[in-house]
């Protein structure tokens, strides 16, 4: 029986019965799949973008205007730029 319906199914594009497609369970399942797909796409896009440091956007009033380190400014031992994520 399936062998006789296979050409009919592929020609018309009928895979699932209409009663299943219009059911509440199928609607909920398709909604979950749609949300999952959007979230996966957003995470993949966010992974491709460069990392953002919000701390660089805001001026920090508690940071000193000049260094108080015992090391000179250009030595590289006193700056904390190596610790940024």
N, C-alpha and C. Protein backbone atom coordinates (compact mmCIF):
# COMPACT_ATOMS: atom_id res chain seq x y z
N UNK A 1 0.81 -1.19 0.00
CA UNK A 1 0.00 0.00 0.00
C UNK A 1 0.87 1.27 0.00
N UNK A 2 1.93 1.26 0.77
CA UNK A 2 2.80 2.44 0.84
C UNK A 2 3.48 2.67 -0.50
N UNK A 3 3.83 1.59 -1.18
CA UNK A 3 4.48 1.73 -2.48
C UNK A 3 3.55 2.40 -3.50
N UNK A 4 2.27 2.19 -3.38
CA UNK A 4 1.35 2.82 -4.32
C UNK A 4 1.09 4.28 -3.98
N UNK A 5 1.19 4.65 -2.71
CA UNK A 5 0.95 6.04 -2.30
C UNK A 5 2.20 6.91 -2.41
N UNK A 6 3.39 6.32 -2.47
CA UNK A 6 4.63 7.08 -2.49
C UNK A 6 4.72 8.05 -3.66
N UNK A 7 4.42 7.66 -4.89
CA UNK A 7 4.48 8.65 -5.97
C UNK A 7 3.44 9.76 -5.80
N UNK A 8 2.30 9.42 -5.24
CA UNK A 8 1.25 10.41 -5.01
C UNK A 8 1.67 11.41 -3.94
N UNK A 9 2.29 10.91 -2.89
CA UNK A 9 2.73 11.77 -1.78
C UNK A 9 3.83 12.71 -2.24
N UNK A 10 4.81 12.21 -2.96
CA UNK A 10 5.92 13.07 -3.39
C UNK A 10 5.48 14.05 -4.47
N UNK A 11 4.52 13.68 -5.29
CA UNK A 11 4.08 14.59 -6.34
C UNK A 11 3.26 15.75 -5.78
N UNK A 12 2.44 15.51 -4.80
CA UNK A 12 1.61 16.56 -4.23
C UNK A 12 2.27 17.26 -3.06
N UNK A 13 3.33 16.70 -2.53
CA UNK A 13 4.01 17.29 -1.39
C UNK A 13 3.29 17.03 -0.09
N UNK A 14 2.45 16.04 -0.02
CA UNK A 14 1.72 15.72 1.20
C UNK A 14 2.57 14.79 2.05
N UNK A 15 2.91 15.23 3.23
CA UNK A 15 3.72 14.41 4.12
C UNK A 15 2.93 14.05 5.37
N UNK A 16 2.22 15.01 5.92
CA UNK A 16 1.44 14.79 7.14
C UNK A 16 -0.03 15.09 6.86
N UNK A 17 -0.92 14.42 7.56
CA UNK A 17 -2.34 14.70 7.36
C UNK A 17 -2.73 16.09 7.88
N UNK A 18 -3.76 16.64 7.32
CA UNK A 18 -4.19 17.99 7.68
C UNK A 18 -4.66 18.07 9.13
N UNK A 19 -5.24 17.00 9.63
CA UNK A 19 -5.71 17.00 11.02
C UNK A 19 -4.54 17.15 11.99
N UNK A 20 -3.40 16.60 11.64
CA UNK A 20 -2.22 16.74 12.50
C UNK A 20 -1.64 18.15 12.40
N UNK A 21 -1.62 18.70 11.21
CA UNK A 21 -1.07 20.04 11.02
C UNK A 21 -1.90 21.13 11.69
N UNK A 22 -3.19 20.91 11.85
CA UNK A 22 -4.04 21.93 12.46
C UNK A 22 -4.27 21.68 13.95
N UNK A 23 -3.56 20.73 14.55
CA UNK A 23 -3.75 20.44 15.97
C UNK A 23 -2.98 21.43 16.85
N UNK A 24 -3.41 21.55 18.08
CA UNK A 24 -2.78 22.45 19.05
C UNK A 24 -1.36 21.99 19.39
N UNK A 25 -1.17 20.68 19.50
CA UNK A 25 0.15 20.13 19.83
C UNK A 25 1.17 20.48 18.75
N UNK A 26 0.78 20.37 17.50
CA UNK A 26 1.69 20.69 16.40
C UNK A 26 2.01 22.18 16.40
N UNK A 27 1.05 23.02 16.73
CA UNK A 27 1.29 24.47 16.78
C UNK A 27 2.29 24.82 17.87
N UNK A 28 2.15 24.18 19.03
CA UNK A 28 3.09 24.44 20.13
C UNK A 28 4.48 23.95 19.75
N UNK A 29 4.57 22.77 19.18
CA UNK A 29 5.86 22.22 18.77
C UNK A 29 6.52 23.09 17.72
N UNK A 30 5.77 23.55 16.76
CA UNK A 30 6.36 24.40 15.71
C UNK A 30 6.80 25.76 16.28
N UNK A 31 6.09 26.27 17.29
CA UNK A 31 6.50 27.51 17.93
C UNK A 31 7.82 27.33 18.68
N UNK A 32 7.95 26.23 19.38
CA UNK A 32 9.21 25.94 20.10
C UNK A 32 10.37 25.81 19.12
N UNK A 33 10.14 25.14 18.02
CA UNK A 33 11.20 24.97 17.02
C UNK A 33 11.57 26.32 16.40
N UNK A 34 10.59 27.18 16.17
CA UNK A 34 10.87 28.51 15.60
C UNK A 34 11.68 29.36 16.56
N UNK A 35 11.32 29.36 17.84
CA UNK A 35 12.07 30.13 18.83
C UNK A 35 13.49 29.58 18.97
N UNK A 36 13.62 28.27 18.97
CA UNK A 36 14.94 27.65 19.06
C UNK A 36 15.80 28.04 17.87
N UNK A 37 15.22 28.08 16.69
CA UNK A 37 15.98 28.44 15.50
C UNK A 37 16.45 29.89 15.55
N UNK A 38 15.58 30.78 15.99
CA UNK A 38 15.96 32.19 16.10
C UNK A 38 17.06 32.38 17.14
N UNK A 39 16.94 31.71 18.28
CA UNK A 39 17.96 31.82 19.32
C UNK A 39 19.30 31.26 18.83
N UNK A 40 19.28 30.14 18.15
CA UNK A 40 20.51 29.55 17.63
C UNK A 40 21.17 30.50 16.62
N UNK A 41 20.39 31.11 15.76
CA UNK A 41 20.93 32.06 14.80
C UNK A 41 21.51 33.29 15.47
N UNK A 42 20.83 33.79 16.50
CA UNK A 42 21.34 34.96 17.23
C UNK A 42 22.64 34.63 17.95
N UNK A 43 22.72 33.47 18.56
CA UNK A 43 23.96 33.08 19.24
C UNK A 43 25.10 32.87 18.25
N UNK A 44 24.81 32.31 17.10
CA UNK A 44 25.85 32.13 16.08
C UNK A 44 26.35 33.48 15.57
N UNK A 45 25.45 34.42 15.38
CA UNK A 45 25.84 35.76 14.95
C UNK A 45 26.65 36.47 16.03
N UNK A 46 26.23 36.35 17.28
CA UNK A 46 26.96 36.98 18.38
C UNK A 46 28.35 36.38 18.54
N UNK A 47 28.50 35.12 18.23
CA UNK A 47 29.80 34.47 18.33
C UNK A 47 30.77 34.99 17.27
N UNK A 48 30.26 35.42 16.13
CA UNK A 48 31.11 35.92 15.05
C UNK A 48 31.55 37.37 15.28
N UNK A 49 30.78 38.13 16.03
CA UNK A 49 31.09 39.53 16.26
C UNK A 49 32.22 39.67 17.27
N UNK A 50 32.99 40.78 17.22
CA UNK A 50 34.06 40.96 18.20
C UNK A 50 33.50 41.17 19.61
N UNK A 51 34.30 40.83 20.61
CA UNK A 51 33.87 40.95 22.00
C UNK A 51 33.73 42.42 22.38
N UNK A 52 32.69 42.75 23.12
CA UNK A 52 32.41 44.12 23.51
C UNK A 52 32.68 44.27 25.00
N UNK A 53 33.37 45.34 25.35
CA UNK A 53 33.66 45.65 26.74
C UNK A 53 32.89 46.90 27.14
N UNK A 54 31.75 46.79 27.84
CA UNK A 54 30.97 47.97 28.21
C UNK A 54 31.74 48.92 29.12
N UNK A 55 32.72 48.41 29.84
CA UNK A 55 33.51 49.26 30.73
C UNK A 55 34.26 50.32 29.94
N UNK A 56 34.59 50.05 28.69
CA UNK A 56 35.30 51.03 27.87
C UNK A 56 34.40 52.17 27.41
N UNK A 57 33.08 51.98 27.43
CA UNK A 57 32.16 53.02 26.99
C UNK A 57 31.91 54.07 28.05
N UNK A 58 32.04 53.69 29.32
CA UNK A 58 31.70 54.57 30.43
C UNK A 58 32.99 55.09 31.05
N UNK A 59 33.03 56.40 31.28
CA UNK A 59 34.19 56.95 31.96
C UNK A 59 34.09 56.61 33.45
N UNK A 60 35.16 56.14 33.98
CA UNK A 60 35.18 55.69 35.36
C UNK A 60 35.77 56.79 36.24
N UNK A 61 34.94 57.38 37.09
CA UNK A 61 35.40 58.49 37.94
C UNK A 61 36.35 58.01 39.02
N UNK A 62 36.28 56.74 39.38
CA UNK A 62 37.16 56.26 40.44
C UNK A 62 38.56 55.93 39.93
N UNK A 63 38.78 55.98 38.65
CA UNK A 63 40.10 55.72 38.09
C UNK A 63 40.95 56.99 38.15
N UNK A 64 42.18 56.84 38.53
CA UNK A 64 43.06 58.00 38.68
C UNK A 64 43.41 58.61 37.32
N UNK A 65 43.58 59.91 37.31
CA UNK A 65 43.95 60.60 36.07
C UNK A 65 45.39 60.30 35.70
N UNK A 66 46.22 60.05 36.69
CA UNK A 66 47.62 59.71 36.42
C UNK A 66 48.00 58.51 37.27
N UNK A 67 48.98 57.77 36.79
CA UNK A 67 49.38 56.57 37.50
C UNK A 67 50.17 56.91 38.76
N UNK A 68 50.03 56.08 39.79
CA UNK A 68 50.80 56.27 41.01
C UNK A 68 51.74 55.09 41.21
N UNK A 69 52.04 54.40 40.13
CA UNK A 69 52.91 53.24 40.18
C UNK A 69 54.36 53.67 40.35
N UNK A 70 55.17 52.77 40.90
CA UNK A 70 56.60 53.05 41.02
C UNK A 70 57.31 52.83 39.70
N UNK A 71 56.61 52.19 38.77
CA UNK A 71 57.18 51.93 37.45
C UNK A 71 56.85 53.09 36.53
N UNK A 72 57.77 53.44 35.63
CA UNK A 72 57.48 54.53 34.67
C UNK A 72 56.30 54.17 33.77
N UNK A 73 55.71 55.18 33.15
CA UNK A 73 54.51 55.00 32.34
C UNK A 73 54.70 54.03 31.18
N UNK A 74 55.82 54.06 30.50
CA UNK A 74 56.02 53.24 29.32
C UNK A 74 56.62 51.87 29.58
N UNK A 75 56.85 51.46 30.82
CA UNK A 75 57.54 50.21 31.08
C UNK A 75 56.67 48.98 30.87
N UNK A 76 55.34 49.13 30.98
CA UNK A 76 54.45 48.01 30.77
C UNK A 76 54.19 47.21 32.02
N UNK A 77 54.90 47.47 33.10
CA UNK A 77 54.69 46.72 34.33
C UNK A 77 53.56 47.29 35.18
N UNK A 78 53.27 48.56 35.01
CA UNK A 78 52.26 49.17 35.87
C UNK A 78 50.87 49.23 35.28
N UNK A 79 50.74 49.04 33.94
CA UNK A 79 49.39 49.17 33.37
C UNK A 79 48.62 47.88 33.51
N UNK A 80 47.30 47.99 33.58
CA UNK A 80 46.44 46.83 33.79
C UNK A 80 45.76 46.40 32.49
N UNK A 81 46.25 46.83 31.33
CA UNK A 81 45.59 46.47 30.08
C UNK A 81 45.73 44.99 29.77
N UNK A 82 46.70 44.33 30.35
CA UNK A 82 46.86 42.90 30.11
C UNK A 82 45.79 42.08 30.79
N UNK A 83 45.07 42.65 31.75
CA UNK A 83 44.06 41.91 32.50
C UNK A 83 42.67 42.05 31.92
N UNK A 84 42.48 42.81 30.88
CA UNK A 84 41.16 42.94 30.27
C UNK A 84 40.90 41.73 29.43
N UNK A 85 39.87 41.01 29.81
CA UNK A 85 39.35 39.81 29.22
C UNK A 85 39.86 39.34 27.96
